[in-house]
C-alpha atoms as a PDB file:
ATOM      1  CA  UNK A   1      24.268 -10.728  36.673  1.00  0.00           C
ATOM      2  CA  UNK A   2      25.986  -8.314  34.491  1.00  0.00           C
ATOM      3  CA  UNK A   3      25.198  -4.984  34.759  1.00  0.00           C
ATOM      4  CA  UNK A   4      22.218  -3.998  32.012  1.00  0.00           C
ATOM      5  CA  UNK A   5      24.168  -1.286  30.201  1.00  0.00           C
ATOM      6  CA  UNK A   6      26.173  -3.769  28.787  1.00  0.00           C
ATOM      7  CA  UNK A   7      23.959  -4.696  25.402  1.00  0.00           C
ATOM      8  CA  UNK A   8      23.468  -7.507  23.940  1.00  0.00           C
ATOM      9  CA  UNK A   9      24.730  -6.213  20.332  1.00  0.00           C
ATOM     10  CA  UNK A  10      25.336  -3.052  19.003  1.00  0.00           C
ATOM     11  CA  UNK A  11      22.490  -0.755  18.505  1.00  0.00           C
ATOM     12  CA  UNK A  12      19.868  -1.846  20.894  1.00  0.00           C
ATOM     13  CA  UNK A  13      19.049   0.860  23.413  1.00  0.00           C
ATOM     14  CA  UNK A  14      20.310   1.616  26.785  1.00  0.00           C
ATOM     15  CA  UNK A  15      17.629   1.407  29.697  1.00  0.00           C
ATOM     16  CA  UNK A  16      20.567   1.172  32.606  1.00  0.00           C
ATOM     17  CA  UNK A  17      19.664   3.943  34.764  1.00  0.00           C
ATOM     18  CA  UNK A  18      15.404   2.377  35.308  1.00  0.00           C
ATOM     19  CA  UNK A  19      17.132  -0.418  36.912  1.00  0.00           C
ATOM     20  CA  UNK A  20      19.078   1.226  39.392  1.00  0.00           C
ATOM     21  CA  UNK A  21      16.464   4.095  41.069  1.00  0.00           C
ATOM     22  CA  UNK A  22      15.052   3.003  44.774  1.00  0.00           C
ATOM     23  CA  UNK A  23      11.242   3.266  43.059  1.00  0.00           C
ATOM     24  CA  UNK A  24       9.877   1.134  39.902  1.00  0.00           C
ATOM     25  CA  UNK A  25       8.110   4.084  38.676  1.00  0.00           C
ATOM     26  CA  UNK A  26      10.570   5.466  36.030  1.00  0.00           C
ATOM     27  CA  UNK A  27      11.189   1.327  34.929  1.00  0.00           C
ATOM     28  CA  UNK A  28       7.112   1.367  34.530  1.00  0.00           C
ATOM     29  CA  UNK A  29       7.071   4.889  32.747  1.00  0.00           C
ATOM     30  CA  UNK A  30      10.567   3.710  30.400  1.00  0.00           C
ATOM     31  CA  UNK A  31       8.622   0.643  28.982  1.00  0.00           C
ATOM     32  CA  UNK A  32       4.980   1.133  28.679  1.00  0.00           C
ATOM     33  CA  UNK A  33       6.189   4.154  26.734  1.00  0.00           C
ATOM     34  CA  UNK A  34       7.265   1.701  24.080  1.00  0.00           C
ATOM     35  CA  UNK A  35       4.632  -0.961  24.815  1.00  0.00           C
ATOM     36  CA  UNK A  36       6.344  -3.533  26.973  1.00  0.00           C
ATOM     37  CA  UNK A  37       4.717  -6.707  26.857  1.00  0.00           C
ATOM     38  CA  UNK A  38       7.179  -9.200  27.906  1.00  0.00           C
ATOM     39  CA  UNK A  39       6.272 -10.441  30.988  1.00  0.00           C
ATOM     40  CA  UNK A  40       2.453 -10.883  30.319  1.00  0.00           C
ATOM     41  CA  UNK A  41       3.780 -13.160  27.706  1.00  0.00           C
ATOM     42  CA  UNK A  42       6.460 -14.724  30.244  1.00  0.00           C
ATOM     43  CA  UNK A  43       3.861 -14.989  32.895  1.00  0.00           C
ATOM     44  CA  UNK A  44       1.406 -16.976  30.824  1.00  0.00           C
ATOM     45  CA  UNK A  45       3.856 -19.090  29.867  1.00  0.00           C
ATOM     46  CA  UNK A  46       5.681 -20.282  33.165  1.00  0.00           C
ATOM     47  CA  UNK A  47       1.677 -20.941  34.469  1.00  0.00           C
ATOM     48  CA  UNK A  48       1.898 -23.375  31.675  1.00  0.00           C
ATOM     49  CA  UNK A  49       5.136 -24.660  33.084  1.00  0.00           C
ATOM     50  CA  UNK A  50       3.808 -24.315  37.226  1.00  0.00           C
ATOM     51  CA  UNK A  51       0.787 -26.557  35.728  1.00  0.00           C
ATOM     52  CA  UNK A  52       2.781 -29.488  34.488  1.00  0.00           C
ATOM     53  CA  UNK A  53       5.172 -29.925  37.369  1.00  0.00           C
ATOM     54  CA  UNK A  54       4.037 -32.283  39.719  1.00  0.00           C
ATOM     55  CA  UNK A  55       4.103 -30.014  42.914  1.00  0.00           C
ATOM     56  CA  UNK A  56       1.127 -28.622  44.838  1.00  0.00           C
ATOM     57  CA  UNK A  57       3.233 -25.534  45.574  1.00  0.00           C
ATOM     58  CA  UNK A  58       5.653 -24.307  43.554  1.00  0.00           C
ATOM     59  CA  UNK A  59       9.336 -22.491  44.439  1.00  0.00           C
ATOM     60  CA  UNK A  60      10.221 -20.379  42.034  1.00  0.00           C
ATOM     61  CA  UNK A  61      13.447 -18.865  41.704  1.00  0.00           C
ATOM     62  CA  UNK A  62      13.362 -15.932  39.418  1.00  0.00           C
ATOM     63  CA  UNK A  63      16.619 -14.562  38.273  1.00  0.00           C
ATOM     64  CA  UNK A  64      17.087 -11.064  36.683  1.00  0.00           C
ATOM     65  CA  UNK A  65      13.869 -10.103  38.538  1.00  0.00           C
ATOM     66  CA  UNK A  66      14.277  -6.455  38.643  1.00  0.00           C
ATOM     67  CA  UNK A  67      11.640  -5.521  40.109  1.00  0.00           C
ATOM     68  CA  UNK A  68       9.374  -8.115  40.687  1.00  0.00           C
ATOM     69  CA  UNK A  69       7.706  -7.479  38.099  1.00  0.00           C
ATOM     70  CA  UNK A  70       7.193 -11.349  36.816  1.00  0.00           C
ATOM     71  CA  UNK A  71       5.842 -11.469  40.747  1.00  0.00           C
ATOM     72  CA  UNK A  72       3.979  -8.736  40.292  1.00  0.00           C
ATOM     73  CA  UNK A  73       1.563 -10.344  37.696  1.00  0.00           C
ATOM     74  CA  UNK A  74       2.389 -14.054  38.367  1.00  0.00           C
ATOM     75  CA  UNK A  75       1.609 -13.630  42.284  1.00  0.00           C
ATOM     76  CA  UNK A  76      -1.612 -10.768  42.013  1.00  0.00           C
ATOM     77  CA  UNK A  77      -4.439 -10.722  40.403  1.00  0.00           C
ATOM     78  CA  UNK A  78      -3.691  -7.861  38.451  1.00  0.00           C
ATOM     79  CA  UNK A  79      -2.738  -7.813  34.329  1.00  0.00           C
ATOM     80  CA  UNK A  80       0.101  -6.087  33.477  1.00  0.00           C
ATOM     81  CA  UNK A  81      -2.381  -3.330  31.855  1.00  0.00           C
ATOM     82  CA  UNK A  82      -3.282  -2.659  35.457  1.00  0.00           C
ATOM     83  CA  UNK A  83       0.184  -2.869  37.089  1.00  0.00           C
ATOM     84  CA  UNK A  84       1.053   0.425  34.424  1.00  0.00           C
ATOM     85  CA  UNK A  85      -1.881   1.805  35.181  1.00  0.00           C
ATOM     86  CA  UNK A  86      -1.129   1.844  38.649  1.00  0.00           C
ATOM     87  CA  UNK A  87       2.296   3.200  38.781  1.00  0.00           C
ATOM     88  CA  UNK A  88       1.329   6.220  36.314  1.00  0.00           C
ATOM     89  CA  UNK A  89      -0.537   7.312  39.217  1.00  0.00           C
ATOM     90  CA  UNK A  90       0.980  10.429  41.833  1.00  0.00           C
ATOM     91  CA  UNK A  91       3.983   9.690  44.121  1.00  0.00           C
ATOM     92  CA  UNK A  92       2.805   9.469  47.761  1.00  0.00           C
ATOM     93  CA  UNK A  93       4.530  10.584  50.268  1.00  0.00           C
ATOM     94  CA  UNK A  94       5.097   6.487  52.061  1.00  0.00           C
ATOM     95  CA  UNK A  95       4.730   5.616  48.360  1.00  0.00           C
ATOM     96  CA  UNK A  96       6.710   2.171  49.756  1.00  0.00           C
ATOM     97  CA  UNK A  97       3.945   1.279  52.037  1.00  0.00           C
ATOM     98  CA  UNK A  98       1.168   2.099  50.081  1.00  0.00           C
ATOM     99  CA  UNK A  99       2.807   0.125  47.648  1.00  0.00           C
ATOM    100  CA  UNK A 100       3.287  -3.091  49.758  1.00  0.00           C
ATOM    101  CA  UNK A 101      -0.623  -2.613  51.114  1.00  0.00           C
ATOM    102  CA  UNK A 102      -1.911  -2.535  47.295  1.00  0.00           C
ATOM    103  CA  UNK A 103       0.274  -5.345  46.334  1.00  0.00           C
ATOM    104  CA  UNK A 104      -0.725  -7.439  49.593  1.00  0.00           C
ATOM    105  CA  UNK A 105      -4.821  -6.621  48.318  1.00  0.00           C
ATOM    106  CA  UNK A 106      -4.053  -8.311  45.506  1.00  0.00           C
ATOM    107  CA  UNK A 107      -2.732 -10.982  46.369  1.00  0.00           C
ATOM    108  CA  UNK A 108      -3.806 -14.463  44.707  1.00  0.00           C
ATOM    109  CA  UNK A 109      -4.662 -16.905  47.091  1.00  0.00           C
ATOM    110  CA  UNK A 110      -2.741 -19.395  45.563  1.00  0.00           C
ATOM    111  CA  UNK A 111       0.300 -17.821  44.762  1.00  0.00           C
ATOM    112  CA  UNK A 112       4.023 -19.337  44.131  1.00  0.00           C
ATOM    113  CA  UNK A 113       6.053 -18.964  46.732  1.00  0.00           C
ATOM    114  CA  UNK A 114       9.161 -16.818  44.893  1.00  0.00           C
ATOM    115  CA  UNK A 115      12.951 -15.877  45.109  1.00  0.00           C
ATOM    116  CA  UNK A 116      14.233 -12.792  43.199  1.00  0.00           C
ATOM    117  CA  UNK A 117      17.738 -12.956  42.199  1.00  0.00           C
ATOM    118  CA  UNK A 118      18.951  -9.540  40.533  1.00  0.00           C
ATOM    119  CA  UNK A 119      22.468  -7.575  40.690  1.00  0.00           C
ATOM    120  CA  UNK A 120      20.211  -4.393  40.945  1.00  0.00           C
ATOM    121  CA  UNK A 121      20.131  -3.958  45.299  1.00  0.00           C
ATOM    122  CA  UNK A 122      17.786  -0.731  44.825  1.00  0.00           C
ATOM    123  CA  UNK A 123      15.265  -3.465  42.660  1.00  0.00           C
ATOM    124  CA  UNK A 124      15.721  -6.171  45.082  1.00  0.00           C
ATOM    125  CA  UNK A 125      15.780  -3.843  48.324  1.00  0.00           C
ATOM    126  CA  UNK A 126      11.693  -2.780  46.566  1.00  0.00           C
ATOM    127  CA  UNK A 127      10.205  -5.983  45.823  1.00  0.00           C
ATOM    128  CA  UNK A 128      11.503  -7.447  49.712  1.00  0.00           C
ATOM    129  CA  UNK A 129      10.270  -4.467  51.165  1.00  0.00           C
ATOM    130  CA  UNK A 130       7.000  -4.428  48.752  1.00  0.00           C
ATOM    131  CA  UNK A 131       6.140  -8.414  49.411  1.00  0.00           C
ATOM    132  CA  UNK A 132       6.436  -8.544  45.740  1.00  0.00           C
ATOM    133  CA  UNK A 133       9.017 -11.259  46.461  1.00  0.00           C
ATOM    134  CA  UNK A 134       9.666 -13.487  49.724  1.00  0.00           C
ATOM    135  CA  UNK A 135      13.401 -13.540  49.727  1.00  0.00           C
ATOM    136  CA  UNK A 136      15.828 -11.209  47.788  1.00  0.00           C
ATOM    137  CA  UNK A 137      19.395 -11.607  46.938  1.00  0.00           C
ATOM    138  CA  UNK A 138      21.345  -8.625  45.376  1.00  0.00           C
ATOM    139  CA  UNK A 139      24.075 -10.838  43.817  1.00  0.00           C
ATOM    140  CA  UNK A 140      25.920 -11.261  40.465  1.00  0.00           C
ATOM    141  CA  UNK A 141      26.346 -14.878  39.694  1.00  0.00           C
ATOM    142  CA  UNK A 142      28.718 -13.764  36.996  1.00  0.00           C
ATOM    143  CA  UNK A 143      31.008 -12.595  39.149  1.00  0.00           C
ATOM    144  CA  UNK A 144      30.763 -15.001  42.324  1.00  0.00           C
ATOM    145  CA  UNK A 145      29.094 -17.982  43.753  1.00  0.00           C
ATOM    146  CA  UNK A 146      25.923 -17.802  45.170  1.00  0.00           C
ATOM    147  CA  UNK A 147      25.715 -16.649  48.902  1.00  0.00           C
ATOM    148  CA  UNK A 148      25.358 -18.752  51.465  1.00  0.00           C
ATOM    149  CA  UNK A 149      21.920 -17.646  52.004  1.00  0.00           C
ATOM    150  CA  UNK A 150      21.045 -17.916  48.332  1.00  0.00           C
ATOM    151  CA  UNK A 151      22.287 -21.116  48.786  1.00  0.00           C
ATOM    152  CA  UNK A 152      19.888 -21.843  51.584  1.00  0.00           C
ATOM    153  CA  UNK A 153      16.809 -20.409  50.464  1.00  0.00           C
ATOM    154  CA  UNK A 154      17.396 -22.604  46.730  1.00  0.00           C
ATOM    155  CA  UNK A 155      16.549 -25.542  49.149  1.00  0.00           C
ATOM    156  CA  UNK A 156      12.896 -26.426  47.863  1.00  0.00           C
ATOM    157  CA  UNK A 157      12.912 -24.525  44.708  1.00  0.00           C
ATOM    158  CA  UNK A 158      11.723 -26.975  41.509  1.00  0.00           C
ATOM    159  CA  UNK A 159      11.928 -23.633  38.727  1.00  0.00           C
ATOM    160  CA  UNK A 160      13.808 -21.076  37.425  1.00  0.00           C
ATOM    161  CA  UNK A 161      12.819 -18.273  35.550  1.00  0.00           C
ATOM    162  CA  UNK A 162      14.269 -16.001  33.527  1.00  0.00           C
ATOM    163  CA  UNK A 163      12.272 -13.346  31.346  1.00  0.00           C
ATOM    164  CA  UNK A 164      14.312 -10.567  29.646  1.00  0.00           C
ATOM    165  CA  UNK A 165      17.521 -11.052  31.034  1.00  0.00           C
ATOM    166  CA  UNK A 166      19.274 -13.738  28.689  1.00  0.00           C
ATOM    167  CA  UNK A 167      22.092 -12.353  26.659  1.00  0.00           C
ATOM    168  CA  UNK A 168      22.485  -9.607  29.779  1.00  0.00           C
ATOM    169  CA  UNK A 169      23.689 -12.947  31.692  1.00  0.00           C
ATOM    170  CA  UNK A 170      25.430 -16.417  30.168  1.00  0.00           C
ATOM    171  CA  UNK A 171      24.347 -20.166  31.414  1.00  0.00           C
ATOM    172  CA  UNK A 172      27.099 -19.199  33.884  1.00  0.00           C
ATOM    173  CA  UNK A 173      24.804 -17.613  36.298  1.00  0.00           C
ATOM    174  CA  UNK A 174      22.023 -20.549  35.992  1.00  0.00           C
ATOM    175  CA  UNK A 175      24.343 -23.606  35.871  1.00  0.00           C
ATOM    176  CA  UNK A 176      26.053 -21.942  39.315  1.00  0.00           C
ATOM    177  CA  UNK A 177      22.045 -21.890  40.579  1.00  0.00           C
ATOM    178  CA  UNK A 178      21.858 -25.292  39.172  1.00  0.00           C
ATOM    179  CA  UNK A 179      24.923 -26.797  40.855  1.00  0.00           C
ATOM    180  CA  UNK A 180      24.190 -25.843  44.405  1.00  0.00           C
ATOM    181  CA  UNK A 181      20.049 -27.074  44.313  1.00  0.00           C
ATOM    182  CA  UNK A 182      19.441 -30.810  45.462  1.00  0.00           C
ATOM    183  CA  UNK A 183      17.788 -31.758  42.830  1.00  0.00           C
ATOM    184  CA  UNK A 184      17.818 -30.578  38.829  1.00  0.00           C
ATOM    185  CA  UNK A 185      14.956 -28.041  38.188  1.00  0.00           C
ATOM    186  CA  UNK A 186      12.759 -26.883  35.588  1.00  0.00           C
ATOM    187  CA  UNK A 187      14.114 -23.950  33.777  1.00  0.00           C
ATOM    188  CA  UNK A 188      11.904 -21.423  32.039  1.00  0.00           C
ATOM    189  CA  UNK A 189      12.662 -18.763  29.905  1.00  0.00           C
ATOM    190  CA  UNK A 190      11.721 -16.199  27.645  1.00  0.00           C
ATOM    191  CA  UNK A 191      14.711 -14.839  25.383  1.00  0.00           C
ATOM    192  CA  UNK A 192      14.903 -12.602  22.568  1.00  0.00           C
ATOM    193  CA  UNK A 193      14.928 -13.884  18.923  1.00  0.00           C
ATOM    194  CA  UNK A 194      17.999 -11.811  18.731  1.00  0.00           C
ATOM    195  CA  UNK A 195      19.975 -14.105  21.022  1.00  0.00           C
ATOM    196  CA  UNK A 196      21.193 -17.531  20.208  1.00  0.00           C
ATOM    197  CA  UNK A 197      20.353 -19.780  23.169  1.00  0.00           C
ATOM    198  CA  UNK A 198      21.867 -22.720  22.087  1.00  0.00           C
ATOM    199  CA  UNK A 199      25.005 -22.288  24.396  1.00  0.00           C
ATOM    200  CA  UNK A 200      21.648 -22.819  27.457  1.00  0.00           C
ATOM    201  CA  UNK A 201      20.543 -25.528  26.294  1.00  0.00           C
ATOM    202  CA  UNK A 202      23.443 -27.177  25.633  1.00  0.00           C
ATOM    203  CA  UNK A 203      25.021 -26.231  29.109  1.00  0.00           C
ATOM    204  CA  UNK A 204      21.525 -27.413  30.741  1.00  0.00           C
ATOM    205  CA  UNK A 205      22.016 -30.975  28.790  1.00  0.00           C
ATOM    206  CA  UNK A 206      25.001 -31.816  30.965  1.00  0.00           C
ATOM    207  CA  UNK A 207      23.283 -31.484  34.170  1.00  0.00           C
ATOM    208  CA  UNK A 208      20.313 -33.732  32.181  1.00  0.00           C
ATOM    209  CA  UNK A 209      17.886 -31.297  31.449  1.00  0.00           C
ATOM    210  CA  UNK A 210      16.498 -31.479  28.173  1.00  0.00           C
ATOM    211  CA  UNK A 211      15.077 -28.668  26.677  1.00  0.00           C
ATOM    212  CA  UNK A 212      11.841 -27.630  24.305  1.00  0.00           C
ATOM    213  CA  UNK A 213      10.381 -23.939  22.754  1.00  0.00           C
ATOM    214  CA  UNK A 214       6.866 -23.818  23.877  1.00  0.00           C
ATOM    215  CA  UNK A 215       4.659 -22.404  21.726  1.00  0.00           C
ATOM    216  CA  UNK A 216       4.850 -19.552  19.218  1.00  0.00           C
ATOM    217  CA  UNK A 217       7.366 -16.146  19.345  1.00  0.00           C
ATOM    218  CA  UNK A 218       5.385 -13.485  20.740  1.00  0.00           C
ATOM    219  CA  UNK A 219       6.009  -9.714  20.905  1.00  0.00           C
ATOM    220  CA  UNK A 220       8.498  -8.146  23.565  1.00  0.00           C
ATOM    221  CA  UNK A 221       8.211  -4.366  22.970  1.00  0.00           C
ATOM    222  CA  UNK A 222       8.102  -1.200  20.354  1.00  0.00           C
ATOM    223  CA  UNK A 223      11.901  -0.152  18.503  1.00  0.00           C
ATOM    224  CA  UNK A 224      12.842   2.868  20.779  1.00  0.00           C
ATOM    225  CA  UNK A 225      13.776   4.432  16.800  1.00  0.00           C
ATOM    226  CA  UNK A 226      14.457   3.247  13.296  1.00  0.00           C
ATOM    227  CA  UNK A 227      17.759   2.597  14.226  1.00  0.00           C
ATOM    228  CA  UNK A 228      17.632   0.220  16.820  1.00  0.00           C
ATOM    229  CA  UNK A 229      15.060  -1.684  14.327  1.00  0.00           C
ATOM    230  CA  UNK A 230      17.530  -1.749  11.732  1.00  0.00           C
ATOM    231  CA  UNK A 231      20.160  -3.254  13.839  1.00  0.00           C
ATOM    232  CA  UNK A 232      17.484  -5.783  15.260  1.00  0.00           C
ATOM    233  CA  UNK A 233      16.664  -7.023  11.938  1.00  0.00           C
ATOM    234  CA  UNK A 234      20.343  -6.935  10.775  1.00  0.00           C
ATOM    235  CA  UNK A 235      21.163  -9.312  14.167  1.00  0.00           C
ATOM    236  CA  UNK A 236      18.642 -11.857  13.048  1.00  0.00           C
ATOM    237  CA  UNK A 237      20.381 -11.679   9.338  1.00  0.00           C
ATOM    238  CA  UNK A 238      23.959 -12.213  11.307  1.00  0.00           C
ATOM    239  CA  UNK A 239      22.228 -15.217  12.791  1.00  0.00           C
ATOM    240  CA  UNK A 240      20.342 -16.446   9.922  1.00  0.00           C
ATOM    241  CA  UNK A 241      17.218 -16.070  11.001  1.00  0.00           C
ATOM    242  CA  UNK A 242      14.329 -14.876   9.367  1.00  0.00           C
ATOM    243  CA  UNK A 243      13.623 -11.197  10.496  1.00  0.00           C
ATOM    244  CA  UNK A 244      10.067 -11.568   9.815  1.00  0.00           C
ATOM    245  CA  UNK A 245       7.394 -10.245  11.179  1.00  0.00           C
ATOM    246  CA  UNK A 246       9.235  -6.976  10.704  1.00  0.00           C
ATOM    247  CA  UNK A 247       6.308  -5.141  12.106  1.00  0.00           C
ATOM    248  CA  UNK A 248       8.405  -2.698  14.543  1.00  0.00           C
ATOM    249  CA  UNK A 249       8.523  -5.189  17.211  1.00  0.00           C
ATOM    250  CA  UNK A 250      11.017  -6.992  19.030  1.00  0.00           C
ATOM    251  CA  UNK A 251       9.532 -10.622  19.320  1.00  0.00           C
ATOM    252  CA  UNK A 252      10.780 -13.121  22.119  1.00  0.00           C
ATOM    253  CA  UNK A 253      10.834 -17.191  22.573  1.00  0.00           C
ATOM    254  CA  UNK A 254       9.815 -19.056  25.499  1.00  0.00           C
ATOM    255  CA  UNK A 255      12.164 -22.794  26.115  1.00  0.00           C
ATOM    256  CA  UNK A 256      11.477 -25.134  29.336  1.00  0.00           C
ATOM    257  CA  UNK A 257      14.359 -27.124  30.238  1.00  0.00           C
ATOM    258  CA  UNK A 258      13.214 -30.534  32.838  1.00  0.00           C
ATOM    259  CA  UNK A 259      14.844 -33.120  33.678  1.00  0.00           C
ATOM    260  CA  UNK A 260      14.816 -35.971  31.381  1.00  0.00           C
ATOM    261  CA  UNK A 261      12.619 -38.103  33.690  1.00  0.00           C
ATOM    262  CA  UNK A 262       9.782 -35.555  33.789  1.00  0.00           C
ATOM    263  CA  UNK A 263      10.035 -35.654  30.159  1.00  0.00           C
ATOM    264  CA  UNK A 264       6.219 -36.892  30.216  1.00  0.00           C
ATOM    265  CA  UNK A 265       4.931 -34.146  31.965  1.00  0.00           C
ATOM    266  CA  UNK A 266       6.353 -31.164  29.371  1.00  0.00           C
ATOM    267  CA  UNK A 267       4.036 -28.401  28.738  1.00  0.00           C
ATOM    268  CA  UNK A 268       2.747 -28.705  25.272  1.00  0.00           C
ATOM    269  CA  UNK A 269       3.277 -26.198  22.487  1.00  0.00           C
ATOM    270  CA  UNK A 270       0.360 -24.328  20.818  1.00  0.00           C
END
């Protein structure tokens, strides 16, 4: 993945520093301040996709996973509000061990297996050491092919997820994963309305995947300031997209891509 200091478009707030700390508390503090809701909406959509898949147990590759935020909700009996409250508590001397015990105690019995992929080594290290994800790979797939270890981990993977990373990564990151997987996977992505998704749809079609939008747009987070709001609205106008609802929030959409032979099993729209 590309480094997150590369803004998706001019005027977007820069949160690069919160992805490289050894502990996720600065990450959650910064995003809670902006009412960041994307993970809970993404996980709700991902659960619908998982329910439509034929496998009894799904192995997921979560790309741009940072500290394992999607896994924190998807694999545990926790809401995003629970997670924010937990990380707002005073930090213990043995925070890593305490965090690990907390997540293990709240693990859902039927939780999917999850592989995490991100360019941030500290974020991946935290997610693995606290058992949020089963395996983690700090790799930049915009620059390099998947490592042998990642290729081996993808052997049983059937679903790729991305929540908020589109725009920081191009289709190349995801197609490099698809190319080394034994079978064409399902891909579920949440993406800001300011980011054109058609290049991804076109790239996935080359691998026999058909794509549709799932549900309606939903809030991602509040704008950091009026300048970011103006830039976001201008970006939508530049793309020829209706800027409404103009209520002070970024909005995102979910897209699901799946093998053509599985189209009849697709999750339905709202």
